[in-house]
Amino acid sequence: MPLATYKDLCIDATDPLVIGRFWAAALGLETHVHDDGDVHLTGSTPQHTIWVNRVPEPRTVKQRLHLDILASSVEQVADLGAHVLDADSFRWTVMADPEGGELCVFVRDEPIDQPFYVLVVDCSSHVKAATWWSTILGGTLEHHDGYSTLGAPGTPFEALLFITVPEPKRVKNRIHLDVTTGDVHGLLAAGATLLRAKDGDIGWHVMADPEGNEFCAFTD
């Protein structure tokens, strides 16, 4: 049985309003601005929620997690404030959001009802990382040469895509996912690391997977 269920996604930003408005427009979500300047976005289901949280540090390295999205054109996404990083190397276009965070845009001719496409996770071993997350979230797992896909239930994505990369994780991820669980000890026994326990200031456990990728665990 899976140990947790997908809850929502979090994005760090030096300017949450700018990044929140960009992703709201790119993904067809509604923007909600908080008194402290943080932002959250909502969509057709609770799992479409994205929290955009203020952090002091700017993006300095390639993100270990990034979103692949569907769009009618690259120009459409550029008009929202993104810019092209690589338009020629792949069958998709690599772009950067207004703070430099990478995203990949897949152009579709047909009407797009669901702009969310894939959540991409860089890792040292796609087989190990994807297998671990399949234990946590359940779903359909497939391994390929250089990448693995996990179709986890309850997510807004077609799949989580795990890709083996040569570079190690160096800094705190600017994108992370939240899960809901009734078994924090089970997550730890499965190989997660507790970075900060739920306390009087936060209502969730900050954890990391075996690759060091942060995630937050909310208890039932």
C-alpha atoms as a PDB file:
ATOM      1  CA  MET A   1       0.000   0.000   0.000  1.00  0.00           C
ATOM      2  CA  PRO A   2       1.238   3.559  -0.711  1.00  0.00           C
ATOM      3  CA  LEU A   3       2.482   5.448   2.324  1.00  0.00           C
ATOM      4  CA  ALA A   4       1.222   8.860   1.222  1.00  0.00           C
ATOM      5  CA  THR A   5      -0.918  10.717  -1.295  1.00  0.00           C
ATOM      6  CA  TYR A   6      -0.003  13.718  -3.396  1.00  0.00           C
ATOM      7  CA  LYS A   7      -1.309  16.989  -1.894  1.00  0.00           C
ATOM      8  CA  ASP A   8       0.016  19.977  -3.877  1.00  0.00           C
ATOM      9  CA  LEU A   9       3.113  21.729  -5.228  1.00  0.00           C
ATOM     10  CA  CYS A  10       5.283  24.520  -3.789  1.00  0.00           C
ATOM     11  CA  ILE A  11       7.502  26.993  -5.635  1.00  0.00           C
ATOM     12  CA  ASP A  12      10.066  29.274  -3.955  1.00  0.00           C
ATOM     13  CA  ALA A  13      10.402  32.791  -5.345  1.00  0.00           C
ATOM     14  CA  THR A  14      12.055  36.073  -4.458  1.00  0.00           C
ATOM     15  CA  ASP A  15       8.900  37.790  -5.752  1.00  0.00           C
ATOM     16  CA  PRO A  16       5.903  35.488  -5.183  1.00  0.00           C
ATOM     17  CA  LEU A  17       3.443  37.845  -6.879  1.00  0.00           C
ATOM     18  CA  VAL A  18       5.396  37.919 -10.158  1.00  0.00           C
ATOM     19  CA  ILE A  19       5.979  34.174 -10.199  1.00  0.00           C
ATOM     20  CA  GLY A  20       2.459  33.437  -8.987  1.00  0.00           C
ATOM     21  CA  ARG A  21       0.888  35.501 -11.737  1.00  0.00           C
ATOM     22  CA  PHE A  22       3.123  33.868 -14.344  1.00  0.00           C
ATOM     23  CA  TRP A  23       2.211  30.326 -13.332  1.00  0.00           C
ATOM     24  CA  ALA A  24      -1.450  31.178 -12.873  1.00  0.00           C
ATOM     25  CA  ALA A  25      -1.615  32.446 -16.447  1.00  0.00           C
ATOM     26  CA  ALA A  26       0.462  29.573 -17.843  1.00  0.00           C
ATOM     27  CA  LEU A  27      -1.605  26.888 -16.104  1.00  0.00           C
ATOM     28  CA  GLY A  28      -5.045  28.466 -16.071  1.00  0.00           C
ATOM     29  CA  LEU A  29      -5.192  28.885 -12.294  1.00  0.00           C
ATOM     30  CA  GLU A  30      -6.663  31.534 -10.001  1.00  0.00           C
ATOM     31  CA  THR A  31      -4.330  33.739  -7.941  1.00  0.00           C
ATOM     32  CA  HIS A  32      -4.828  34.383  -4.217  1.00  0.00           C
ATOM     33  CA  VAL A  33      -2.503  36.925  -2.570  1.00  0.00           C
ATOM     34  CA  HIS A  34      -1.809  36.659   1.158  1.00  0.00           C
ATOM     35  CA  ASP A  35      -1.202  39.522   3.572  1.00  0.00           C
ATOM     36  CA  ASP A  36       2.439  38.487   3.967  1.00  0.00           C
ATOM     37  CA  GLY A  37       3.041  38.637   0.205  1.00  0.00           C
ATOM     38  CA  ASP A  38       2.976  34.904  -0.429  1.00  0.00           C
ATOM     39  CA  VAL A  39       0.607  33.575  -3.079  1.00  0.00           C
ATOM     40  CA  HIS A  40      -1.329  30.408  -3.686  1.00  0.00           C
ATOM     41  CA  LEU A  41      -2.965  29.280  -6.903  1.00  0.00           C
ATOM     42  CA  THR A  42      -6.065  27.144  -7.203  1.00  0.00           C
ATOM     43  CA  GLY A  43      -7.598  25.132 -10.009  1.00  0.00           C
ATOM     44  CA  SER A  44     -10.255  22.559 -10.728  1.00  0.00           C
ATOM     45  CA  THR A  45      -9.173  20.187  -7.943  1.00  0.00           C
ATOM     46  CA  PRO A  46      -7.299  20.636  -4.633  1.00  0.00           C
ATOM     47  CA  GLN A  47      -4.336  18.810  -6.221  1.00  0.00           C
ATOM     48  CA  HIS A  48      -3.969  21.639  -8.768  1.00  0.00           C
ATOM     49  CA  THR A  49      -3.020  23.985  -5.914  1.00  0.00           C
ATOM     50  CA  ILE A  50       0.404  25.628  -6.069  1.00  0.00           C
ATOM     51  CA  TRP A  51       1.894  27.572  -3.160  1.00  0.00           C
ATOM     52  CA  VAL A  52       4.381  30.307  -4.101  1.00  0.00           C
ATOM     53  CA  ASN A  53       6.500  31.185  -1.078  1.00  0.00           C
ATOM     54  CA  ARG A  54       8.956  34.040  -0.606  1.00  0.00           C
ATOM     55  CA  VAL A  55      12.619  33.144  -0.065  1.00  0.00           C
ATOM     56  CA  PRO A  56      15.587  35.546   0.156  1.00  0.00           C
ATOM     57  CA  GLU A  57      17.948  33.613  -2.083  1.00  0.00           C
ATOM     58  CA  PRO A  58      17.745  33.924  -5.892  1.00  0.00           C
ATOM     59  CA  ARG A  59      17.959  30.966  -8.239  1.00  0.00           C
ATOM     60  CA  THR A  60      21.638  30.162  -8.826  1.00  0.00           C
ATOM     61  CA  VAL A  61      21.737  26.640 -10.299  1.00  0.00           C
ATOM     62  CA  LYS A  62      19.653  24.490 -12.611  1.00  0.00           C
ATOM     63  CA  GLN A  63      16.522  23.331 -10.813  1.00  0.00           C
ATOM     64  CA  ARG A  64      16.332  19.665  -9.779  1.00  0.00           C
ATOM     65  CA  LEU A  65      12.554  19.757 -10.246  1.00  0.00           C
ATOM     66  CA  HIS A  66      10.775  21.588 -13.036  1.00  0.00           C
ATOM     67  CA  LEU A  67       7.440  21.604 -14.803  1.00  0.00           C
ATOM     68  CA  ASP A  68       6.692  20.572 -18.360  1.00  0.00           C
ATOM     69  CA  ILE A  69       3.581  22.312 -19.636  1.00  0.00           C
ATOM     70  CA  LEU A  70       1.369  22.283 -22.708  1.00  0.00           C
ATOM     71  CA  ALA A  71       0.738  25.495 -24.641  1.00  0.00           C
ATOM     72  CA  SER A  72      -0.690  26.641 -27.951  1.00  0.00           C
ATOM     73  CA  SER A  73       2.612  28.350 -28.824  1.00  0.00           C
ATOM     74  CA  VAL A  74       5.979  29.311 -27.371  1.00  0.00           C
ATOM     75  CA  GLU A  75       5.061  32.940 -27.988  1.00  0.00           C
ATOM     76  CA  GLN A  76       2.047  32.557 -25.719  1.00  0.00           C
ATOM     77  CA  VAL A  77       4.311  31.593 -22.798  1.00  0.00           C
ATOM     78  CA  ALA A  78       6.887  34.257 -23.690  1.00  0.00           C
ATOM     79  CA  ASP A  79       4.176  36.913 -23.563  1.00  0.00           C
ATOM     80  CA  LEU A  80       3.573  35.934 -19.937  1.00  0.00           C
ATOM     81  CA  GLY A  81       7.158  36.793 -18.996  1.00  0.00           C
ATOM     82  CA  ALA A  82       9.202  33.679 -19.845  1.00  0.00           C
ATOM     83  CA  HIS A  83      12.137  33.603 -22.243  1.00  0.00           C
ATOM     84  CA  VAL A  84      13.594  30.901 -24.471  1.00  0.00           C
ATOM     85  CA  LEU A  85      16.747  29.076 -23.374  1.00  0.00           C
ATOM     86  CA  ASP A  86      16.865  26.373 -26.080  1.00  0.00           C
ATOM     87  CA  ALA A  87      14.506  26.141 -29.033  1.00  0.00           C
ATOM     88  CA  ASP A  88      16.490  23.758 -31.217  1.00  0.00           C
ATOM     89  CA  SER A  89      17.925  20.804 -29.307  1.00  0.00           C
ATOM     90  CA  PHE A  90      14.718  18.952 -28.471  1.00  0.00           C
ATOM     91  CA  ARG A  91      11.180  18.401 -29.714  1.00  0.00           C
ATOM     92  CA  TRP A  92      10.122  20.790 -26.947  1.00  0.00           C
ATOM     93  CA  THR A  93      11.298  24.296 -26.049  1.00  0.00           C
ATOM     94  CA  VAL A  94      13.302  24.930 -22.901  1.00  0.00           C
ATOM     95  CA  MET A  95      12.312  28.229 -21.322  1.00  0.00           C
ATOM     96  CA  ALA A  96      12.855  30.150 -18.089  1.00  0.00           C
ATOM     97  CA  ASP A  97      10.245  31.837 -15.934  1.00  0.00           C
ATOM     98  CA  PRO A  98      10.692  35.500 -14.852  1.00  0.00           C
ATOM     99  CA  GLU A  99      13.162  34.462 -12.120  1.00  0.00           C
ATOM    100  CA  GLY A 100      15.122  32.083 -14.333  1.00  0.00           C
ATOM    101  CA  GLY A 101      13.506  28.837 -13.244  1.00  0.00           C
ATOM    102  CA  GLU A 102      13.509  26.289 -16.041  1.00  0.00           C
ATOM    103  CA  LEU A 103      10.379  24.892 -17.630  1.00  0.00           C
ATOM    104  CA  CYS A 104       9.734  22.962 -20.826  1.00  0.00           C
ATOM    105  CA  VAL A 105       6.943  23.882 -23.227  1.00  0.00           C
ATOM    106  CA  PHE A 106       5.282  21.325 -25.483  1.00  0.00           C
ATOM    107  CA  VAL A 107       3.224  22.955 -28.230  1.00  0.00           C
ATOM    108  CA  ARG A 108      -0.092  21.358 -29.150  1.00  0.00           C
ATOM    109  CA  ASP A 109      -2.390  22.289 -32.047  1.00  0.00           C
ATOM    110  CA  GLU A 110      -5.540  20.932 -30.437  1.00  0.00           C
ATOM    111  CA  PRO A 111      -7.370  22.788 -27.634  1.00  0.00           C
ATOM    112  CA  ILE A 112      -5.629  22.371 -24.284  1.00  0.00           C
ATOM    113  CA  ASP A 113      -7.890  21.611 -21.340  1.00  0.00           C
ATOM    114  CA  GLN A 114      -5.092  20.633 -18.972  1.00  0.00           C
ATOM    115  CA  PRO A 115      -1.833  22.668 -19.265  1.00  0.00           C
ATOM    116  CA  PHE A 116      -0.166  20.593 -16.519  1.00  0.00           C
ATOM    117  CA  TYR A 117       1.890  17.933 -18.311  1.00  0.00           C
ATOM    118  CA  VAL A 118       4.810  16.373 -16.412  1.00  0.00           C
ATOM    119  CA  LEU A 119       6.762  17.072 -13.214  1.00  0.00           C
ATOM    120  CA  VAL A 120      10.436  16.373 -13.964  1.00  0.00           C
ATOM    121  CA  VAL A 121      12.872  15.265 -11.252  1.00  0.00           C
ATOM    122  CA  ASP A 122      16.636  15.193 -11.833  1.00  0.00           C
ATOM    123  CA  CYS A 123      18.411  12.455  -9.884  1.00  0.00           C
ATOM    124  CA  SER A 124      21.577  10.367  -9.705  1.00  0.00           C
ATOM    125  CA  SER A 125      19.628   7.180 -10.472  1.00  0.00           C
ATOM    126  CA  HIS A 126      16.251   7.401 -12.158  1.00  0.00           C
ATOM    127  CA  VAL A 127      15.526   3.756 -11.358  1.00  0.00           C
ATOM    128  CA  LYS A 128      16.156   4.130  -7.625  1.00  0.00           C
ATOM    129  CA  ALA A 129      14.418   7.501  -7.310  1.00  0.00           C
ATOM    130  CA  ALA A 130      11.319   6.506  -9.276  1.00  0.00           C
ATOM    131  CA  THR A 131      11.067   3.174  -7.471  1.00  0.00           C
ATOM    132  CA  TRP A 132      11.235   4.921  -4.101  1.00  0.00           C
ATOM    133  CA  TRP A 133       8.508   7.394  -5.004  1.00  0.00           C
ATOM    134  CA  SER A 134       6.332   4.601  -6.382  1.00  0.00           C
ATOM    135  CA  THR A 135       6.550   3.001  -2.938  1.00  0.00           C
ATOM    136  CA  ILE A 136       5.458   6.282  -1.370  1.00  0.00           C
ATOM    137  CA  LEU A 137       2.696   7.321  -3.810  1.00  0.00           C
ATOM    138  CA  GLY A 138       1.779   4.119  -5.630  1.00  0.00           C
ATOM    139  CA  GLY A 139       0.887   4.227  -9.312  1.00  0.00           C
ATOM    140  CA  THR A 140       2.229   2.836 -12.569  1.00  0.00           C
ATOM    141  CA  LEU A 141       6.024   2.692 -12.827  1.00  0.00           C
ATOM    142  CA  GLU A 142       7.987   2.279 -16.062  1.00  0.00           C
ATOM    143  CA  HIS A 143      11.775   2.245 -16.501  1.00  0.00           C
ATOM    144  CA  HIS A 144      13.507   3.267 -19.719  1.00  0.00           C
ATOM    145  CA  ASP A 145      17.031   4.047 -20.852  1.00  0.00           C
ATOM    146  CA  GLY A 146      17.971   7.161 -18.879  1.00  0.00           C
ATOM    147  CA  TYR A 147      14.566   7.905 -17.401  1.00  0.00           C
ATOM    148  CA  SER A 148      11.601   6.455 -15.538  1.00  0.00           C
ATOM    149  CA  THR A 149       7.971   7.521 -15.417  1.00  0.00           C
ATOM    150  CA  LEU A 150       5.547   7.239 -12.532  1.00  0.00           C
ATOM    151  CA  GLY A 151       1.836   7.737 -13.124  1.00  0.00           C
ATOM    152  CA  ALA A 152       0.921   8.448  -9.513  1.00  0.00           C
ATOM    153  CA  PRO A 153      -2.771   8.640  -8.614  1.00  0.00           C
ATOM    154  CA  GLY A 154      -4.219  11.982  -7.559  1.00  0.00           C
ATOM    155  CA  THR A 155      -1.598  14.199  -9.162  1.00  0.00           C
ATOM    156  CA  PRO A 156      -2.477  16.851 -11.774  1.00  0.00           C
ATOM    157  CA  PHE A 157       0.337  15.577 -14.009  1.00  0.00           C
ATOM    158  CA  GLU A 158       0.304  12.855 -16.622  1.00  0.00           C
ATOM    159  CA  ALA A 159       3.386  11.503 -14.860  1.00  0.00           C
ATOM    160  CA  LEU A 160       6.367  12.233 -12.678  1.00  0.00           C
ATOM    161  CA  LEU A 161       9.433  11.907 -14.904  1.00  0.00           C
ATOM    162  CA  PHE A 162      12.735  10.931 -13.269  1.00  0.00           C
ATOM    163  CA  ILE A 163      15.896  11.631 -15.288  1.00  0.00           C
ATOM    164  CA  THR A 164      19.455  10.561 -14.433  1.00  0.00           C
ATOM    165  CA  VAL A 165      21.838  13.547 -14.501  1.00  0.00           C
ATOM    166  CA  PRO A 166      25.575  13.731 -13.726  1.00  0.00           C
ATOM    167  CA  GLU A 167      25.518  16.736 -11.406  1.00  0.00           C
ATOM    168  CA  PRO A 168      24.753  16.280  -7.683  1.00  0.00           C
ATOM    169  CA  LYS A 169      22.132  18.200  -5.733  1.00  0.00           C
ATOM    170  CA  ARG A 170      23.807  21.348  -4.397  1.00  0.00           C
ATOM    171  CA  VAL A 171      21.193  23.669  -2.910  1.00  0.00           C
ATOM    172  CA  LYS A 172      17.663  23.550  -1.507  1.00  0.00           C
ATOM    173  CA  ASN A 173      15.174  22.805  -4.273  1.00  0.00           C
ATOM    174  CA  ARG A 174      13.036  25.737  -5.387  1.00  0.00           C
ATOM    175  CA  ILE A 175      10.178  23.398  -6.288  1.00  0.00           C
ATOM    176  CA  HIS A 176       8.956  20.630  -4.023  1.00  0.00           C
ATOM    177  CA  LEU A 177       5.818  18.597  -3.554  1.00  0.00           C
ATOM    178  CA  ASP A 178       3.638  18.138  -0.483  1.00  0.00           C
ATOM    179  CA  VAL A 179       2.100  14.828   0.514  1.00  0.00           C
ATOM    180  CA  THR A 180      -0.500  13.740   3.026  1.00  0.00           C
ATOM    181  CA  THR A 181       0.288  10.719   5.169  1.00  0.00           C
ATOM    182  CA  GLY A 182      -0.946   8.865   8.200  1.00  0.00           C
ATOM    183  CA  ASP A 183       2.425   7.213   8.710  1.00  0.00           C
ATOM    184  CA  VAL A 184       5.398   9.549   9.112  1.00  0.00           C
ATOM    185  CA  HIS A 185       7.350   6.735  10.770  1.00  0.00           C
ATOM    186  CA  GLY A 186       6.667   4.604   7.703  1.00  0.00           C
ATOM    187  CA  LEU A 187       8.200   7.297   5.484  1.00  0.00           C
ATOM    188  CA  LEU A 188      11.292   7.336   7.693  1.00  0.00           C
ATOM    189  CA  ALA A 189      11.512   3.542   7.670  1.00  0.00           C
ATOM    190  CA  ALA A 190      11.283   3.626   3.860  1.00  0.00           C
ATOM    191  CA  GLY A 191      14.345   5.876   3.652  1.00  0.00           C
ATOM    192  CA  ALA A 192      13.100   9.448   4.030  1.00  0.00           C
ATOM    193  CA  THR A 193      15.040  11.893   6.214  1.00  0.00           C
ATOM    194  CA  LEU A 194      13.367  14.200   8.721  1.00  0.00           C
ATOM    195  CA  LEU A 195      14.734  17.734   8.270  1.00  0.00           C
ATOM    196  CA  ARG A 196      12.323  19.496  10.620  1.00  0.00           C
ATOM    197  CA  ALA A 197       9.494  18.050  12.641  1.00  0.00           C
ATOM    198  CA  LYS A 198       6.057  19.618  12.892  1.00  0.00           C
ATOM    199  CA  ASP A 199       6.105  22.155  15.725  1.00  0.00           C
ATOM    200  CA  GLY A 200       4.409  25.284  16.994  1.00  0.00           C
ATOM    201  CA  ASP A 201       5.511  27.300  13.961  1.00  0.00           C
ATOM    202  CA  ILE A 202       4.794  24.865  11.122  1.00  0.00           C
ATOM    203  CA  GLY A 203       1.969  22.365  10.771  1.00  0.00           C
ATOM    204  CA  TRP A 204       3.866  19.806   8.678  1.00  0.00           C
ATOM    205  CA  HIS A 205       7.039  17.720   8.684  1.00  0.00           C
ATOM    206  CA  VAL A 206       9.857  18.848   6.371  1.00  0.00           C
ATOM    207  CA  MET A 207      11.493  15.752   4.916  1.00  0.00           C
ATOM    208  CA  ALA A 208      13.829  14.647   2.124  1.00  0.00           C
ATOM    209  CA  ASP A 209      13.801  11.617  -0.145  1.00  0.00           C
ATOM    210  CA  PRO A 210      16.922   9.412  -0.472  1.00  0.00           C
ATOM    211  CA  GLU A 211      18.227  11.773  -3.207  1.00  0.00           C
ATOM    212  CA  GLY A 212      17.986  14.709  -0.799  1.00  0.00           C
ATOM    213  CA  ASN A 213      14.983  16.283  -2.527  1.00  0.00           C
ATOM    214  CA  GLU A 214      12.864  18.101   0.007  1.00  0.00           C
ATOM    215  CA  PHE A 215       9.152  17.429   0.440  1.00  0.00           C
ATOM    216  CA  CYS A 216       6.604  18.266   3.128  1.00  0.00           C
ATOM    217  CA  ALA A 217       4.464  15.642   4.833  1.00  0.00           C
ATOM    218  CA  PHE A 218       1.085  16.674   6.233  1.00  0.00           C
ATOM    219  CA  THR A 219      -0.508  14.241   8.659  1.00  0.00           C
ATOM    220  CA  ASP A 220      -4.115  13.095   8.291  1.00  0.00           C
END
